[in-house]
C-alpha atoms as a PDB file:
ATOM      1  CA  UNK A   1      -0.004  -0.089  -0.080  1.00  0.00           C
ATOM      2  CA  UNK A   2       1.548   3.241  -0.993  1.00  0.00           C
ATOM      3  CA  UNK A   3       1.836   6.352   1.442  1.00  0.00           C
ATOM      4  CA  UNK A   4      -0.613   8.306  -0.517  1.00  0.00           C
ATOM      5  CA  UNK A   5      -3.268   5.439   0.000  1.00  0.00           C
ATOM      6  CA  UNK A   6      -2.514   5.098   3.750  1.00  0.00           C
ATOM      7  CA  UNK A   7      -2.943   9.020   3.963  1.00  0.00           C
ATOM      8  CA  UNK A   8      -6.166   8.714   2.158  1.00  0.00           C
ATOM      9  CA  UNK A   9      -7.570   6.138   4.516  1.00  0.00           C
ATOM     10  CA  UNK A  10      -6.623   8.203   7.670  1.00  0.00           C
ATOM     11  CA  UNK A  11      -8.188  11.275   5.896  1.00  0.00           C
ATOM     12  CA  UNK A  12     -11.454   9.360   5.412  1.00  0.00           C
ATOM     13  CA  UNK A  13     -11.062   8.118   9.029  1.00  0.00           C
ATOM     14  CA  UNK A  14     -11.376  11.774  10.042  1.00  0.00           C
ATOM     15  CA  UNK A  15      -7.594  12.641  10.820  1.00  0.00           C
ATOM     16  CA  UNK A  16      -7.416  16.456   9.891  1.00  0.00           C
ATOM     17  CA  UNK A  17      -3.356  16.382  10.078  1.00  0.00           C
ATOM     18  CA  UNK A  18      -3.417  13.474   7.493  1.00  0.00           C
ATOM     19  CA  UNK A  19      -5.048  15.849   4.950  1.00  0.00           C
ATOM     20  CA  UNK A  20      -2.004  18.233   4.997  1.00  0.00           C
ATOM     21  CA  UNK A  21       0.477  15.222   4.904  1.00  0.00           C
ATOM     22  CA  UNK A  22      -1.354  13.835   1.816  1.00  0.00           C
ATOM     23  CA  UNK A  23      -0.932  16.843  -0.219  1.00  0.00           C
ATOM     24  CA  UNK A  24       2.683  17.117   1.105  1.00  0.00           C
ATOM     25  CA  UNK A  25       3.192  13.474  -0.192  1.00  0.00           C
ATOM     26  CA  UNK A  26       1.248  13.986  -3.459  1.00  0.00           C
ATOM     27  CA  UNK A  27       2.443  17.673  -4.174  1.00  0.00           C
ATOM     28  CA  UNK A  28       5.057  16.854  -6.926  1.00  0.00           C
ATOM     29  CA  UNK A  29       2.697  14.551  -8.675  1.00  0.00           C
ATOM     30  CA  UNK A  30       0.058  17.112  -8.562  1.00  0.00           C
ATOM     31  CA  UNK A  31       2.476  19.795  -9.917  1.00  0.00           C
ATOM     32  CA  UNK A  32       3.166  17.215 -12.767  1.00  0.00           C
ATOM     33  CA  UNK A  33      -0.388  16.809 -13.589  1.00  0.00           C
ATOM     34  CA  UNK A  34      -1.032  20.845 -13.435  1.00  0.00           C
ATOM     35  CA  UNK A  35       2.069  21.239 -15.490  1.00  0.00           C
ATOM     36  CA  UNK A  36       0.738  18.797 -18.057  1.00  0.00           C
ATOM     37  CA  UNK A  37      -2.474  20.150 -18.323  1.00  0.00           C
ATOM     38  CA  UNK A  38      -1.390  23.821 -18.493  1.00  0.00           C
ATOM     39  CA  UNK A  39       0.900  22.857 -21.425  1.00  0.00           C
ATOM     40  CA  UNK A  40      -1.700  20.958 -23.208  1.00  0.00           C
ATOM     41  CA  UNK A  41      -4.148  23.413 -23.885  1.00  0.00           C
ATOM     42  CA  UNK A  42      -4.485  25.949 -20.759  1.00  0.00           C
ATOM     43  CA  UNK A  43      -2.062  28.336 -22.178  1.00  0.00           C
ATOM     44  CA  UNK A  44      -4.393  31.448 -22.003  1.00  0.00           C
ATOM     45  CA  UNK A  45      -5.288  30.920 -18.456  1.00  0.00           C
ATOM     46  CA  UNK A  46      -4.006  33.298 -15.818  1.00  0.00           C
ATOM     47  CA  UNK A  47      -3.157  30.117 -13.778  1.00  0.00           C
ATOM     48  CA  UNK A  48       0.394  28.940 -13.275  1.00  0.00           C
ATOM     49  CA  UNK A  49       1.415  25.365 -12.106  1.00  0.00           C
ATOM     50  CA  UNK A  50       1.663  26.236  -8.571  1.00  0.00           C
ATOM     51  CA  UNK A  51      -1.741  28.290  -8.309  1.00  0.00           C
ATOM     52  CA  UNK A  52      -3.487  25.416  -9.977  1.00  0.00           C
ATOM     53  CA  UNK A  53      -2.186  22.864  -7.422  1.00  0.00           C
ATOM     54  CA  UNK A  54      -3.148  25.281  -4.588  1.00  0.00           C
ATOM     55  CA  UNK A  55      -6.478  26.001  -5.976  1.00  0.00           C
ATOM     56  CA  UNK A  56      -7.082  22.272  -6.201  1.00  0.00           C
ATOM     57  CA  UNK A  57      -5.920  21.922  -2.618  1.00  0.00           C
ATOM     58  CA  UNK A  58      -8.294  24.682  -1.475  1.00  0.00           C
ATOM     59  CA  UNK A  59     -11.295  22.785  -3.441  1.00  0.00           C
ATOM     60  CA  UNK A  60     -10.404  19.522  -1.601  1.00  0.00           C
ATOM     61  CA  UNK A  61     -10.408  21.427   1.813  1.00  0.00           C
ATOM     62  CA  UNK A  62     -13.756  23.027   1.294  1.00  0.00           C
ATOM     63  CA  UNK A  63     -15.520  20.148  -0.190  1.00  0.00           C
ATOM     64  CA  UNK A  64     -15.223  18.282   2.901  1.00  0.00           C
ATOM     65  CA  UNK A  65     -15.308  14.650   2.449  1.00  0.00           C
ATOM     66  CA  UNK A  66     -12.562  13.082   0.143  1.00  0.00           C
ATOM     67  CA  UNK A  67     -13.952   9.921  -1.681  1.00  0.00           C
ATOM     68  CA  UNK A  68     -11.045   8.570  -3.321  1.00  0.00           C
ATOM     69  CA  UNK A  69     -10.277   5.119  -2.301  1.00  0.00           C
ATOM     70  CA  UNK A  70      -6.626   4.738  -3.301  1.00  0.00           C
ATOM     71  CA  UNK A  71      -3.742   6.792  -5.177  1.00  0.00           C
ATOM     72  CA  UNK A  72      -4.970   6.243  -8.660  1.00  0.00           C
ATOM     73  CA  UNK A  73      -8.525   7.399  -7.823  1.00  0.00           C
ATOM     74  CA  UNK A  74      -7.087  10.311  -5.825  1.00  0.00           C
ATOM     75  CA  UNK A  75      -5.197  11.482  -8.877  1.00  0.00           C
ATOM     76  CA  UNK A  76      -8.196  10.913 -11.088  1.00  0.00           C
ATOM     77  CA  UNK A  77     -10.345  13.155  -8.925  1.00  0.00           C
ATOM     78  CA  UNK A  78      -7.447  15.653  -8.829  1.00  0.00           C
ATOM     79  CA  UNK A  79      -7.373  15.752 -12.572  1.00  0.00           C
ATOM     80  CA  UNK A  80     -11.367  16.521 -12.519  1.00  0.00           C
ATOM     81  CA  UNK A  81     -10.843  19.255  -9.942  1.00  0.00           C
ATOM     82  CA  UNK A  82      -8.117  20.904 -12.070  1.00  0.00           C
ATOM     83  CA  UNK A  83     -10.282  20.749 -15.108  1.00  0.00           C
ATOM     84  CA  UNK A  84     -13.131  22.422 -13.131  1.00  0.00           C
ATOM     85  CA  UNK A  85     -10.580  25.120 -11.836  1.00  0.00           C
ATOM     86  CA  UNK A  86      -9.166  25.880 -15.332  1.00  0.00           C
ATOM     87  CA  UNK A  87     -12.689  26.036 -16.768  1.00  0.00           C
ATOM     88  CA  UNK A  88     -13.912  28.367 -14.154  1.00  0.00           C
ATOM     89  CA  UNK A  89     -10.804  30.560 -14.623  1.00  0.00           C
ATOM     90  CA  UNK A  90     -11.359  30.480 -18.412  1.00  0.00           C
ATOM     91  CA  UNK A  91     -15.369  31.491 -17.970  1.00  0.00           C
ATOM     92  CA  UNK A  92     -14.267  34.243 -15.623  1.00  0.00           C
ATOM     93  CA  UNK A  93     -11.712  35.762 -17.897  1.00  0.00           C
ATOM     94  CA  UNK A  94     -14.366  35.622 -20.819  1.00  0.00           C
ATOM     95  CA  UNK A  95     -16.981  37.276 -18.626  1.00  0.00           C
ATOM     96  CA  UNK A  96     -14.525  40.260 -17.712  1.00  0.00           C
ATOM     97  CA  UNK A  97     -13.383  40.379 -21.234  1.00  0.00           C
ATOM     98  CA  UNK A  98     -16.943  40.948 -22.242  1.00  0.00           C
ATOM     99  CA  UNK A  99     -17.506  43.599 -19.729  1.00  0.00           C
ATOM    100  CA  UNK A 100     -18.893  41.391 -16.795  1.00  0.00           C
ATOM    101  CA  UNK A 101     -22.428  42.838 -16.217  1.00  0.00           C
ATOM    102  CA  UNK A 102     -21.837  46.006 -18.320  1.00  0.00           C
ATOM    103  CA  UNK A 103     -23.934  46.181 -21.382  1.00  0.00           C
ATOM    104  CA  UNK A 104     -22.300  44.450 -24.391  1.00  0.00           C
ATOM    105  CA  UNK A 105     -21.452  46.875 -27.090  1.00  0.00           C
ATOM    106  CA  UNK A 106     -19.786  45.849 -30.362  1.00  0.00           C
ATOM    107  CA  UNK A 107     -17.866  48.371 -32.217  1.00  0.00           C
ATOM    108  CA  UNK A 108     -16.622  46.362 -35.243  1.00  0.00           C
ATOM    109  CA  UNK A 109     -18.239  42.992 -36.080  1.00  0.00           C
ATOM    110  CA  UNK A 110     -14.931  41.982 -37.820  1.00  0.00           C
ATOM    111  CA  UNK A 111     -12.955  42.066 -34.510  1.00  0.00           C
ATOM    112  CA  UNK A 112     -15.490  39.733 -32.514  1.00  0.00           C
ATOM    113  CA  UNK A 113     -15.237  37.024 -35.420  1.00  0.00           C
ATOM    114  CA  UNK A 114     -11.532  36.896 -35.013  1.00  0.00           C
ATOM    115  CA  UNK A 115     -11.606  36.513 -31.211  1.00  0.00           C
ATOM    116  CA  UNK A 116     -12.072  32.738 -30.926  1.00  0.00           C
ATOM    117  CA  UNK A 117      -9.024  31.437 -29.121  1.00  0.00           C
ATOM    118  CA  UNK A 118      -7.943  28.651 -26.896  1.00  0.00           C
ATOM    119  CA  UNK A 119     -10.229  29.607 -24.020  1.00  0.00           C
ATOM    120  CA  UNK A 120     -13.218  29.386 -25.965  1.00  0.00           C
ATOM    121  CA  UNK A 121     -11.774  25.776 -27.136  1.00  0.00           C
ATOM    122  CA  UNK A 122     -11.602  24.852 -23.478  1.00  0.00           C
ATOM    123  CA  UNK A 123     -15.161  25.719 -22.910  1.00  0.00           C
ATOM    124  CA  UNK A 124     -16.292  23.816 -26.160  1.00  0.00           C
ATOM    125  CA  UNK A 125     -14.144  20.761 -25.210  1.00  0.00           C
ATOM    126  CA  UNK A 126     -15.722  20.788 -21.635  1.00  0.00           C
ATOM    127  CA  UNK A 127     -19.422  21.019 -23.152  1.00  0.00           C
ATOM    128  CA  UNK A 128     -18.647  18.186 -25.739  1.00  0.00           C
ATOM    129  CA  UNK A 129     -17.221  15.998 -22.797  1.00  0.00           C
ATOM    130  CA  UNK A 130     -20.400  16.507 -20.974  1.00  0.00           C
ATOM    131  CA  UNK A 131     -22.225  15.309 -23.916  1.00  0.00           C
ATOM    132  CA  UNK A 132     -19.743  12.243 -24.261  1.00  0.00           C
ATOM    133  CA  UNK A 133     -20.402  11.505 -20.552  1.00  0.00           C
ATOM    134  CA  UNK A 134     -24.195  11.068 -21.260  1.00  0.00           C
ATOM    135  CA  UNK A 135     -23.391   8.803 -24.180  1.00  0.00           C
ATOM    136  CA  UNK A 136     -20.607   6.557 -22.695  1.00  0.00           C
ATOM    137  CA  UNK A 137     -19.208   7.237 -19.255  1.00  0.00           C
ATOM    138  CA  UNK A 138     -15.980   5.358 -19.790  1.00  0.00           C
ATOM    139  CA  UNK A 139     -15.233   7.124 -23.103  1.00  0.00           C
ATOM    140  CA  UNK A 140     -15.658  10.337 -21.248  1.00  0.00           C
ATOM    141  CA  UNK A 141     -13.278   9.135 -18.426  1.00  0.00           C
ATOM    142  CA  UNK A 142     -10.458   8.090 -20.959  1.00  0.00           C
ATOM    143  CA  UNK A 143     -10.773  11.534 -22.790  1.00  0.00           C
ATOM    144  CA  UNK A 144     -10.737  13.358 -19.573  1.00  0.00           C
ATOM    145  CA  UNK A 145      -7.813  11.619 -18.066  1.00  0.00           C
ATOM    146  CA  UNK A 146      -5.953  11.847 -21.566  1.00  0.00           C
ATOM    147  CA  UNK A 147      -6.842  15.409 -22.459  1.00  0.00           C
ATOM    148  CA  UNK A 148      -7.166  17.216 -18.963  1.00  0.00           C
ATOM    149  CA  UNK A 149      -5.090  14.877 -16.900  1.00  0.00           C
ATOM    150  CA  UNK A 150      -2.236  14.223 -19.186  1.00  0.00           C
ATOM    151  CA  UNK A 151      -2.259  10.472 -18.097  1.00  0.00           C
ATOM    152  CA  UNK A 152      -0.562   7.882 -20.499  1.00  0.00           C
ATOM    153  CA  UNK A 153      -2.514   5.011 -21.953  1.00  0.00           C
ATOM    154  CA  UNK A 154      -0.940   2.534 -19.463  1.00  0.00           C
ATOM    155  CA  UNK A 155      -1.982   4.786 -16.422  1.00  0.00           C
ATOM    156  CA  UNK A 156      -5.489   5.078 -17.650  1.00  0.00           C
ATOM    157  CA  UNK A 157      -5.882   1.422 -18.277  1.00  0.00           C
ATOM    158  CA  UNK A 158      -4.529   0.692 -14.642  1.00  0.00           C
ATOM    159  CA  UNK A 159      -6.904   3.335 -13.170  1.00  0.00           C
ATOM    160  CA  UNK A 160      -9.970   2.119 -15.011  1.00  0.00           C
ATOM    161  CA  UNK A 161      -9.021  -1.575 -14.724  1.00  0.00           C
ATOM    162  CA  UNK A 162      -8.924  -2.478 -18.649  1.00  0.00           C
ATOM    163  CA  UNK A 163      -6.159  -3.219 -21.095  1.00  0.00           C
ATOM    164  CA  UNK A 164      -4.205  -0.595 -22.950  1.00  0.00           C
ATOM    165  CA  UNK A 165      -5.735  -1.747 -26.107  1.00  0.00           C
ATOM    166  CA  UNK A 166      -9.142  -1.219 -24.793  1.00  0.00           C
ATOM    167  CA  UNK A 167      -7.892   2.476 -23.703  1.00  0.00           C
ATOM    168  CA  UNK A 168      -6.612   3.029 -27.354  1.00  0.00           C
ATOM    169  CA  UNK A 169      -9.888   2.198 -28.882  1.00  0.00           C
ATOM    170  CA  UNK A 170     -11.806   4.210 -26.402  1.00  0.00           C
ATOM    171  CA  UNK A 171      -9.494   7.240 -27.097  1.00  0.00           C
ATOM    172  CA  UNK A 172     -10.179   6.648 -30.755  1.00  0.00           C
ATOM    173  CA  UNK A 173     -13.937   6.607 -30.439  1.00  0.00           C
ATOM    174  CA  UNK A 174     -13.828   9.527 -27.728  1.00  0.00           C
ATOM    175  CA  UNK A 175     -11.759  11.628 -30.256  1.00  0.00           C
ATOM    176  CA  UNK A 176     -14.087  11.054 -33.235  1.00  0.00           C
ATOM    177  CA  UNK A 177     -17.266  11.782 -31.026  1.00  0.00           C
ATOM    178  CA  UNK A 178     -15.611  14.998 -29.692  1.00  0.00           C
ATOM    179  CA  UNK A 179     -14.161  16.131 -33.053  1.00  0.00           C
ATOM    180  CA  UNK A 180     -18.024  15.726 -34.466  1.00  0.00           C
ATOM    181  CA  UNK A 181     -19.243  17.642 -31.316  1.00  0.00           C
ATOM    182  CA  UNK A 182     -16.854  20.416 -31.877  1.00  0.00           C
ATOM    183  CA  UNK A 183     -17.613  21.158 -35.342  1.00  0.00           C
END
């Protein structure tokens, strides 16, 4: 049993000190996940690796109960939380860019047509993943772990309890469905 798994058990048993020890033990792996995610599409967010990991920690703390059973489940859940943090950051920036609550005024329609960027892509991918989740949960998990978590096919296979070939097929299907949903 890994140190992270042992700390998770202590956290679920109500040991408050174990929560801080858990994040201290998992910190470097969480930074690797955050770095991977920000490198693979989160370039236009205002978040940096450290701030993404710290925001993830704050969300765990405020959520109360940590439902992860083992190391793999913990990092899969961390990947989901990071996805949520990035998405919220993008939405906040888009709202600010559009004036927040101020009335919307377009000075030139040509400028608005050319504004589509990585932030809008992140929101569209999130919405497409929600549709994929309704169609096939495992395909959505594979896509999320691959796109937002930066996991390898082997890591995904171990986490989901399937073969690497199954993950490869699922990733191909998920990419095709997501590509169709994004067009």
